[in-house]
Amino acid sequence: MSRSAVNRTILAVVGILLLGGGLLAIAGGLDLYGRLGVTVPNGWPFSRPEQAVLSPGARMHWSDMDWWWPVVLAVPALLVAGCLWWLFAQLHRTGPSTVEVPVPDGAGVALRLRGRALVDAVETETVALPDVERVTAKVAGGPHRVALRTAVRLAPGGGVGTVLRALDAGPFANARTSLGLAELPAEVRVKVAPPHSERRRRRAERRRRRVV
């Protein structure tokens, strides 16, 4: 699952939970259950306008613990701070969402290519190259000065020089041609996977650590 799909899934789950909690609070605060004559089960949250978030039993049960009220105050504060940080991370883009493509004799016609489409094309062509196991690409720079940042994982024994030349002659060249650019700055980070025997040894070590 891609990072964007994970983000959308988390956003959907968090949104549903917040929406459900908000509807429960509104229903209880407006006393909709009493007005509609609906009987709610025992322990139903926010069933009455005067109902507190924490029940009297919960407040009295832990009130003699020194850590109780600091935790009650700190946990929601940390949750809010974490949600705000995550929201800022989602809104903060490291690259342009669209890339301008020049149109010969376009008479003022502006053509834009989605950055995600460019990334998908580069990743699809790169992963099809020999010795390439995994690739992650993203668009950097600005709409008028585009750059590519690519991380490539090679199979055990893969030739770094061979793959870099294939990248420049294949996916990067096609991207330059598609965008109508004479040059396309690219940053490539290459990692060679360890041999299969080394992978098995590392997995065995991790399993032993978990058992211990």
C-alpha atoms as a PDB file:
ATOM      1  CA  MET A   1       0.000   0.000   0.000  1.00  0.00           C
ATOM      2  CA  SER A   2       1.388   3.404  -0.978  1.00  0.00           C
ATOM      3  CA  ARG A   3       1.929   6.235   1.462  1.00  0.00           C
ATOM      4  CA  SER A   4      -0.946   8.262  -0.007  1.00  0.00           C
ATOM      5  CA  ALA A   5      -3.308   5.294   0.339  1.00  0.00           C
ATOM      6  CA  VAL A   6      -2.264   4.831   3.979  1.00  0.00           C
ATOM      7  CA  ASN A   7      -2.817   8.530   4.648  1.00  0.00           C
ATOM      8  CA  ARG A   8      -6.269   8.427   3.061  1.00  0.00           C
ATOM      9  CA  THR A   9      -7.190   5.341   5.080  1.00  0.00           C
ATOM     10  CA  ILE A  10      -6.050   6.903   8.354  1.00  0.00           C
ATOM     11  CA  LEU A  11      -7.846  10.148   7.520  1.00  0.00           C
ATOM     12  CA  ALA A  12     -11.044   8.241   6.782  1.00  0.00           C
ATOM     13  CA  VAL A  13     -10.873   6.251  10.039  1.00  0.00           C
ATOM     14  CA  VAL A  14     -10.050   9.321  12.150  1.00  0.00           C
ATOM     15  CA  GLY A  15     -12.777  11.314  10.410  1.00  0.00           C
ATOM     16  CA  ILE A  16     -15.383   8.623  11.054  1.00  0.00           C
ATOM     17  CA  LEU A  17     -14.421   8.390  14.737  1.00  0.00           C
ATOM     18  CA  LEU A  18     -14.510  12.163  15.199  1.00  0.00           C
ATOM     19  CA  LEU A  19     -17.810  12.424  13.342  1.00  0.00           C
ATOM     20  CA  GLY A  20     -19.360   9.682  15.473  1.00  0.00           C
ATOM     21  CA  GLY A  21     -18.121  11.261  18.704  1.00  0.00           C
ATOM     22  CA  GLY A  22     -19.345  14.691  17.630  1.00  0.00           C
ATOM     23  CA  LEU A  23     -22.797  13.376  16.734  1.00  0.00           C
ATOM     24  CA  LEU A  24     -23.059  11.611  20.107  1.00  0.00           C
ATOM     25  CA  ALA A  25     -22.067  14.807  21.934  1.00  0.00           C
ATOM     26  CA  ILE A  26     -24.574  16.887  19.948  1.00  0.00           C
ATOM     27  CA  ALA A  27     -27.353  14.373  20.518  1.00  0.00           C
ATOM     28  CA  GLY A  28     -26.719  14.353  24.265  1.00  0.00           C
ATOM     29  CA  GLY A  29     -26.184  18.088  24.570  1.00  0.00           C
ATOM     30  CA  LEU A  30     -29.467  18.861  22.792  1.00  0.00           C
ATOM     31  CA  ASP A  31     -31.273  16.111  24.714  1.00  0.00           C
ATOM     32  CA  LEU A  32     -32.429  14.543  21.462  1.00  0.00           C
ATOM     33  CA  TYR A  33     -32.926  11.164  23.141  1.00  0.00           C
ATOM     34  CA  GLY A  34     -35.417  12.621  25.639  1.00  0.00           C
ATOM     35  CA  ARG A  35     -37.220  14.679  23.021  1.00  0.00           C
ATOM     36  CA  LEU A  36     -37.577  11.709  20.699  1.00  0.00           C
ATOM     37  CA  GLY A  37     -38.441   9.321  23.508  1.00  0.00           C
ATOM     38  CA  VAL A  38     -35.472   7.073  22.786  1.00  0.00           C
ATOM     39  CA  THR A  39     -34.216   4.855  25.622  1.00  0.00           C
ATOM     40  CA  VAL A  40     -30.464   4.426  25.489  1.00  0.00           C
ATOM     41  CA  PRO A  41     -28.584   1.553  27.153  1.00  0.00           C
ATOM     42  CA  ASN A  42     -26.870   2.008  30.502  1.00  0.00           C
ATOM     43  CA  GLY A  43     -23.459   3.556  30.142  1.00  0.00           C
ATOM     44  CA  TRP A  44     -24.295   5.196  26.804  1.00  0.00           C
ATOM     45  CA  PRO A  45     -21.964   8.214  26.359  1.00  0.00           C
ATOM     46  CA  PHE A  46     -23.429  11.721  26.324  1.00  0.00           C
ATOM     47  CA  SER A  47     -26.989  10.569  26.929  1.00  0.00           C
ATOM     48  CA  ARG A  48     -28.046  13.712  28.866  1.00  0.00           C
ATOM     49  CA  PRO A  49     -27.119  17.407  28.663  1.00  0.00           C
ATOM     50  CA  GLU A  50     -25.802  17.443  32.243  1.00  0.00           C
ATOM     51  CA  GLN A  51     -23.731  14.270  31.810  1.00  0.00           C
ATOM     52  CA  ALA A  52     -19.991  14.775  32.297  1.00  0.00           C
ATOM     53  CA  VAL A  53     -17.342  13.107  30.168  1.00  0.00           C
ATOM     54  CA  LEU A  54     -16.077  11.122  33.169  1.00  0.00           C
ATOM     55  CA  SER A  55     -18.600   9.426  35.411  1.00  0.00           C
ATOM     56  CA  PRO A  56     -18.622  10.237  39.165  1.00  0.00           C
ATOM     57  CA  GLY A  57     -17.445   6.686  39.871  1.00  0.00           C
ATOM     58  CA  ALA A  58     -14.447   7.061  37.603  1.00  0.00           C
ATOM     59  CA  ARG A  59     -13.535  10.438  39.101  1.00  0.00           C
ATOM     60  CA  MET A  60     -13.805   9.212  42.693  1.00  0.00           C
ATOM     61  CA  HIS A  61     -12.111   5.871  42.029  1.00  0.00           C
ATOM     62  CA  TRP A  62      -8.865   7.433  40.814  1.00  0.00           C
ATOM     63  CA  SER A  63      -8.986  10.799  42.569  1.00  0.00           C
ATOM     64  CA  ASP A  64      -6.610   9.652  45.319  1.00  0.00           C
ATOM     65  CA  MET A  65      -3.937   8.751  42.777  1.00  0.00           C
ATOM     66  CA  ASP A  66      -1.384  11.500  42.219  1.00  0.00           C
ATOM     67  CA  TRP A  67      -0.880  10.529  38.564  1.00  0.00           C
ATOM     68  CA  TRP A  68      -4.585  10.474  37.617  1.00  0.00           C
ATOM     69  CA  TRP A  69      -5.355  14.116  36.845  1.00  0.00           C
ATOM     70  CA  PRO A  70      -1.992  14.856  35.165  1.00  0.00           C
ATOM     71  CA  VAL A  71      -2.622  11.886  32.866  1.00  0.00           C
ATOM     72  CA  VAL A  72      -6.201  13.027  32.166  1.00  0.00           C
ATOM     73  CA  LEU A  73      -4.890  16.431  31.122  1.00  0.00           C
ATOM     74  CA  ALA A  74      -1.728  15.292  29.353  1.00  0.00           C
ATOM     75  CA  VAL A  75      -3.195  12.534  27.161  1.00  0.00           C
ATOM     76  CA  PRO A  76      -5.759  14.735  25.342  1.00  0.00           C
ATOM     77  CA  ALA A  77      -3.144  17.482  24.978  1.00  0.00           C
ATOM     78  CA  LEU A  78      -0.685  15.029  23.392  1.00  0.00           C
ATOM     79  CA  LEU A  79      -3.389  13.662  21.108  1.00  0.00           C
ATOM     80  CA  VAL A  80      -4.313  17.151  19.902  1.00  0.00           C
ATOM     81  CA  ALA A  81      -0.656  18.078  19.381  1.00  0.00           C
ATOM     82  CA  GLY A  82      -0.018  14.842  17.481  1.00  0.00           C
ATOM     83  CA  CYS A  83      -3.054  15.368  15.251  1.00  0.00           C
ATOM     84  CA  LEU A  84      -2.012  18.950  14.492  1.00  0.00           C
ATOM     85  CA  TRP A  85       1.530  17.839  13.668  1.00  0.00           C
ATOM     86  CA  TRP A  86       0.243  15.083  11.402  1.00  0.00           C
ATOM     87  CA  LEU A  87      -2.161  17.498   9.677  1.00  0.00           C
ATOM     88  CA  PHE A  88       0.703  19.927   9.073  1.00  0.00           C
ATOM     89  CA  ALA A  89       2.821  17.091   7.640  1.00  0.00           C
ATOM     90  CA  GLN A  90       0.024  16.188   5.220  1.00  0.00           C
ATOM     91  CA  LEU A  91      -0.461  19.786   4.102  1.00  0.00           C
ATOM     92  CA  HIS A  92       3.251  20.445   3.716  1.00  0.00           C
ATOM     93  CA  ARG A  93       4.371  19.450   0.230  1.00  0.00           C
ATOM     94  CA  THR A  94       8.015  18.752  -0.555  1.00  0.00           C
ATOM     95  CA  GLY A  95       7.452  19.229  -4.290  1.00  0.00           C
ATOM     96  CA  PRO A  96       5.016  20.691  -6.801  1.00  0.00           C
ATOM     97  CA  SER A  97       1.682  18.952  -7.320  1.00  0.00           C
ATOM     98  CA  THR A  98       1.753  19.797 -11.034  1.00  0.00           C
ATOM     99  CA  VAL A  99       4.489  20.324 -13.596  1.00  0.00           C
ATOM    100  CA  GLU A 100       4.239  22.751 -16.497  1.00  0.00           C
ATOM    101  CA  VAL A 101       4.739  21.186 -19.918  1.00  0.00           C
ATOM    102  CA  PRO A 102       5.675  23.527 -22.789  1.00  0.00           C
ATOM    103  CA  VAL A 103       3.407  23.403 -25.842  1.00  0.00           C
ATOM    104  CA  PRO A 104       5.117  24.282 -29.153  1.00  0.00           C
ATOM    105  CA  ASP A 105       3.156  27.068 -30.868  1.00  0.00           C
ATOM    106  CA  GLY A 106       0.503  26.688 -28.225  1.00  0.00           C
ATOM    107  CA  ALA A 107      -0.561  30.327 -28.506  1.00  0.00           C
ATOM    108  CA  GLY A 108      -0.786  30.781 -24.765  1.00  0.00           C
ATOM    109  CA  VAL A 109      -2.111  27.284 -24.027  1.00  0.00           C
ATOM    110  CA  ALA A 110      -0.907  26.076 -20.626  1.00  0.00           C
ATOM    111  CA  LEU A 111      -0.472  22.346 -20.153  1.00  0.00           C
ATOM    112  CA  ARG A 112       0.142  20.872 -16.713  1.00  0.00           C
ATOM    113  CA  LEU A 113       1.094  17.339 -15.755  1.00  0.00           C
ATOM    114  CA  ARG A 114       0.288  15.939 -12.337  1.00  0.00           C
ATOM    115  CA  GLY A 115       3.407  15.225 -10.337  1.00  0.00           C
ATOM    116  CA  ARG A 116       1.929  11.883  -9.261  1.00  0.00           C
ATOM    117  CA  ALA A 117       1.597  10.838 -12.916  1.00  0.00           C
ATOM    118  CA  LEU A 118       5.255  11.654 -13.553  1.00  0.00           C
ATOM    119  CA  VAL A 119       6.314   9.729 -10.456  1.00  0.00           C
ATOM    120  CA  ASP A 120       4.214   6.705 -11.431  1.00  0.00           C
ATOM    121  CA  ALA A 121       5.742   6.637 -14.912  1.00  0.00           C
ATOM    122  CA  VAL A 122       9.311   6.860 -13.590  1.00  0.00           C
ATOM    123  CA  GLU A 123       8.705   4.191 -10.951  1.00  0.00           C
ATOM    124  CA  THR A 124       7.033   1.816 -13.429  1.00  0.00           C
ATOM    125  CA  GLU A 125       9.891   2.079 -15.918  1.00  0.00           C
ATOM    126  CA  THR A 126      12.592   1.887 -13.250  1.00  0.00           C
ATOM    127  CA  VAL A 127      11.282  -1.208 -11.490  1.00  0.00           C
ATOM    128  CA  ALA A 128      11.217  -2.977 -14.862  1.00  0.00           C
ATOM    129  CA  LEU A 129      15.003  -2.541 -15.238  1.00  0.00           C
ATOM    130  CA  PRO A 130      17.239  -5.563 -14.557  1.00  0.00           C
ATOM    131  CA  ASP A 131      18.433  -6.003 -10.945  1.00  0.00           C
ATOM    132  CA  VAL A 132      15.961  -3.402  -9.584  1.00  0.00           C
ATOM    133  CA  GLU A 133      13.861  -4.758  -6.698  1.00  0.00           C
ATOM    134  CA  ARG A 134      12.199  -1.597  -5.430  1.00  0.00           C
ATOM    135  CA  VAL A 135      12.026   2.071  -6.341  1.00  0.00           C
ATOM    136  CA  THR A 136      10.563   5.205  -4.800  1.00  0.00           C
ATOM    137  CA  ALA A 137      10.490   8.496  -6.694  1.00  0.00           C
ATOM    138  CA  LYS A 138       9.161  11.966  -5.968  1.00  0.00           C
ATOM    139  CA  VAL A 139       9.100  15.324  -7.680  1.00  0.00           C
ATOM    140  CA  ALA A 140      11.130  18.132  -6.121  1.00  0.00           C
ATOM    141  CA  GLY A 141      11.821  21.722  -7.018  1.00  0.00           C
ATOM    142  CA  GLY A 142       9.115  23.986  -8.424  1.00  0.00           C
ATOM    143  CA  PRO A 143       6.707  24.005 -11.379  1.00  0.00           C
ATOM    144  CA  HIS A 144       9.289  25.823 -13.533  1.00  0.00           C
ATOM    145  CA  ARG A 145      12.366  23.993 -12.220  1.00  0.00           C
ATOM    146  CA  VAL A 146      11.539  20.330 -11.779  1.00  0.00           C
ATOM    147  CA  ALA A 147      13.867  17.748 -10.256  1.00  0.00           C
ATOM    148  CA  LEU A 148      13.522  14.066  -9.467  1.00  0.00           C
ATOM    149  CA  ARG A 149      14.596  12.297  -6.314  1.00  0.00           C
ATOM    150  CA  THR A 150      14.764   8.539  -6.634  1.00  0.00           C
ATOM    151  CA  ALA A 151      15.698   5.774  -4.209  1.00  0.00           C
ATOM    152  CA  VAL A 152      16.510   2.444  -5.832  1.00  0.00           C
ATOM    153  CA  ARG A 153      17.038  -0.916  -4.146  1.00  0.00           C
ATOM    154  CA  LEU A 154      19.038  -3.405  -6.206  1.00  0.00           C
ATOM    155  CA  ALA A 155      19.035  -7.178  -6.052  1.00  0.00           C
ATOM    156  CA  PRO A 156      22.065  -8.877  -4.455  1.00  0.00           C
ATOM    157  CA  GLY A 157      25.052  -8.455  -6.750  1.00  0.00           C
ATOM    158  CA  GLY A 158      23.368  -5.805  -8.880  1.00  0.00           C
ATOM    159  CA  GLY A 159      25.660  -3.453 -10.775  1.00  0.00           C
ATOM    160  CA  VAL A 160      25.248   0.142  -9.624  1.00  0.00           C
ATOM    161  CA  GLY A 161      26.894   1.695 -12.673  1.00  0.00           C
ATOM    162  CA  THR A 162      24.840  -0.387 -15.086  1.00  0.00           C
ATOM    163  CA  VAL A 163      21.585   0.572 -13.394  1.00  0.00           C
ATOM    164  CA  LEU A 164      22.489   4.268 -13.282  1.00  0.00           C
ATOM    165  CA  ARG A 165      23.241   4.290 -17.000  1.00  0.00           C
ATOM    166  CA  ALA A 166      19.977   2.457 -17.702  1.00  0.00           C
ATOM    167  CA  LEU A 167      18.104   4.985 -15.554  1.00  0.00           C
ATOM    168  CA  ASP A 168      19.543   7.928 -17.446  1.00  0.00           C
ATOM    169  CA  ALA A 169      18.953   6.362 -20.849  1.00  0.00           C
ATOM    170  CA  GLY A 170      15.477   5.038 -20.008  1.00  0.00           C
ATOM    171  CA  PRO A 171      13.107   6.514 -17.384  1.00  0.00           C
ATOM    172  CA  PHE A 172      14.931   9.841 -17.001  1.00  0.00           C
ATOM    173  CA  ALA A 173      15.305  10.355 -20.749  1.00  0.00           C
ATOM    174  CA  ASN A 174      11.625   9.583 -21.294  1.00  0.00           C
ATOM    175  CA  ALA A 175      10.680  12.018 -18.533  1.00  0.00           C
ATOM    176  CA  ARG A 176      12.815  14.752 -20.128  1.00  0.00           C
ATOM    177  CA  THR A 177      11.214  14.117 -23.503  1.00  0.00           C
ATOM    178  CA  SER A 178       7.687  14.084 -22.096  1.00  0.00           C
ATOM    179  CA  LEU A 179       8.252  17.363 -20.250  1.00  0.00           C
ATOM    180  CA  GLY A 180      10.039  18.983 -23.176  1.00  0.00           C
ATOM    181  CA  LEU A 181      13.126  19.696 -21.096  1.00  0.00           C
ATOM    182  CA  ALA A 182      16.721  19.796 -22.253  1.00  0.00           C
ATOM    183  CA  GLU A 183      17.821  18.604 -18.825  1.00  0.00           C
ATOM    184  CA  LEU A 184      16.122  17.159 -15.780  1.00  0.00           C
ATOM    185  CA  PRO A 185      18.139  17.247 -12.532  1.00  0.00           C
ATOM    186  CA  ALA A 186      17.903  13.922 -10.742  1.00  0.00           C
ATOM    187  CA  GLU A 187      19.179  12.643  -7.427  1.00  0.00           C
ATOM    188  CA  VAL A 188      19.497   8.865  -7.153  1.00  0.00           C
ATOM    189  CA  ARG A 189      20.124   6.951  -3.934  1.00  0.00           C
ATOM    190  CA  VAL A 190      21.115   3.349  -4.555  1.00  0.00           C
ATOM    191  CA  LYS A 191      21.074   0.542  -2.022  1.00  0.00           C
ATOM    192  CA  VAL A 192      22.154  -3.001  -2.819  1.00  0.00           C
ATOM    193  CA  ALA A 193      20.233  -5.727  -0.980  1.00  0.00           C
ATOM    194  CA  PRO A 194      22.355  -8.220   0.966  1.00  0.00           C
ATOM    195  CA  PRO A 195      22.616 -11.824  -0.282  1.00  0.00           C
ATOM    196  CA  HIS A 196      19.743 -14.153   0.548  1.00  0.00           C
ATOM    197  CA  SER A 197      21.886 -16.001   3.089  1.00  0.00           C
ATOM    198  CA  GLU A 198      22.578 -12.722   4.880  1.00  0.00           C
ATOM    199  CA  ARG A 199      18.854 -11.902   4.854  1.00  0.00           C
ATOM    200  CA  ARG A 200      18.023 -15.244   6.427  1.00  0.00           C
ATOM    201  CA  ARG A 201      20.690 -14.702   9.081  1.00  0.00           C
ATOM    202  CA  ARG A 202      19.288 -11.271   9.967  1.00  0.00           C
ATOM    203  CA  ARG A 203      15.728 -12.627  10.160  1.00  0.00           C
ATOM    204  CA  ALA A 204      16.922 -15.408  12.458  1.00  0.00           C
ATOM    205  CA  GLU A 205      18.674 -12.857  14.691  1.00  0.00           C
ATOM    206  CA  ARG A 206      15.530 -10.723  14.880  1.00  0.00           C
ATOM    207  CA  ARG A 207      13.433 -13.777  15.784  1.00  0.00           C
ATOM    208  CA  ARG A 208      15.907 -14.740  18.525  1.00  0.00           C
ATOM    209  CA  ARG A 209      15.790 -11.219  19.940  1.00  0.00           C
ATOM    210  CA  ARG A 210      11.988 -11.303  20.053  1.00  0.00           C
ATOM    211  CA  VAL A 211      12.041 -14.660  21.822  1.00  0.00           C
ATOM    212  CA  VAL A 212      14.580 -13.442  24.389  1.00  0.00           C
END
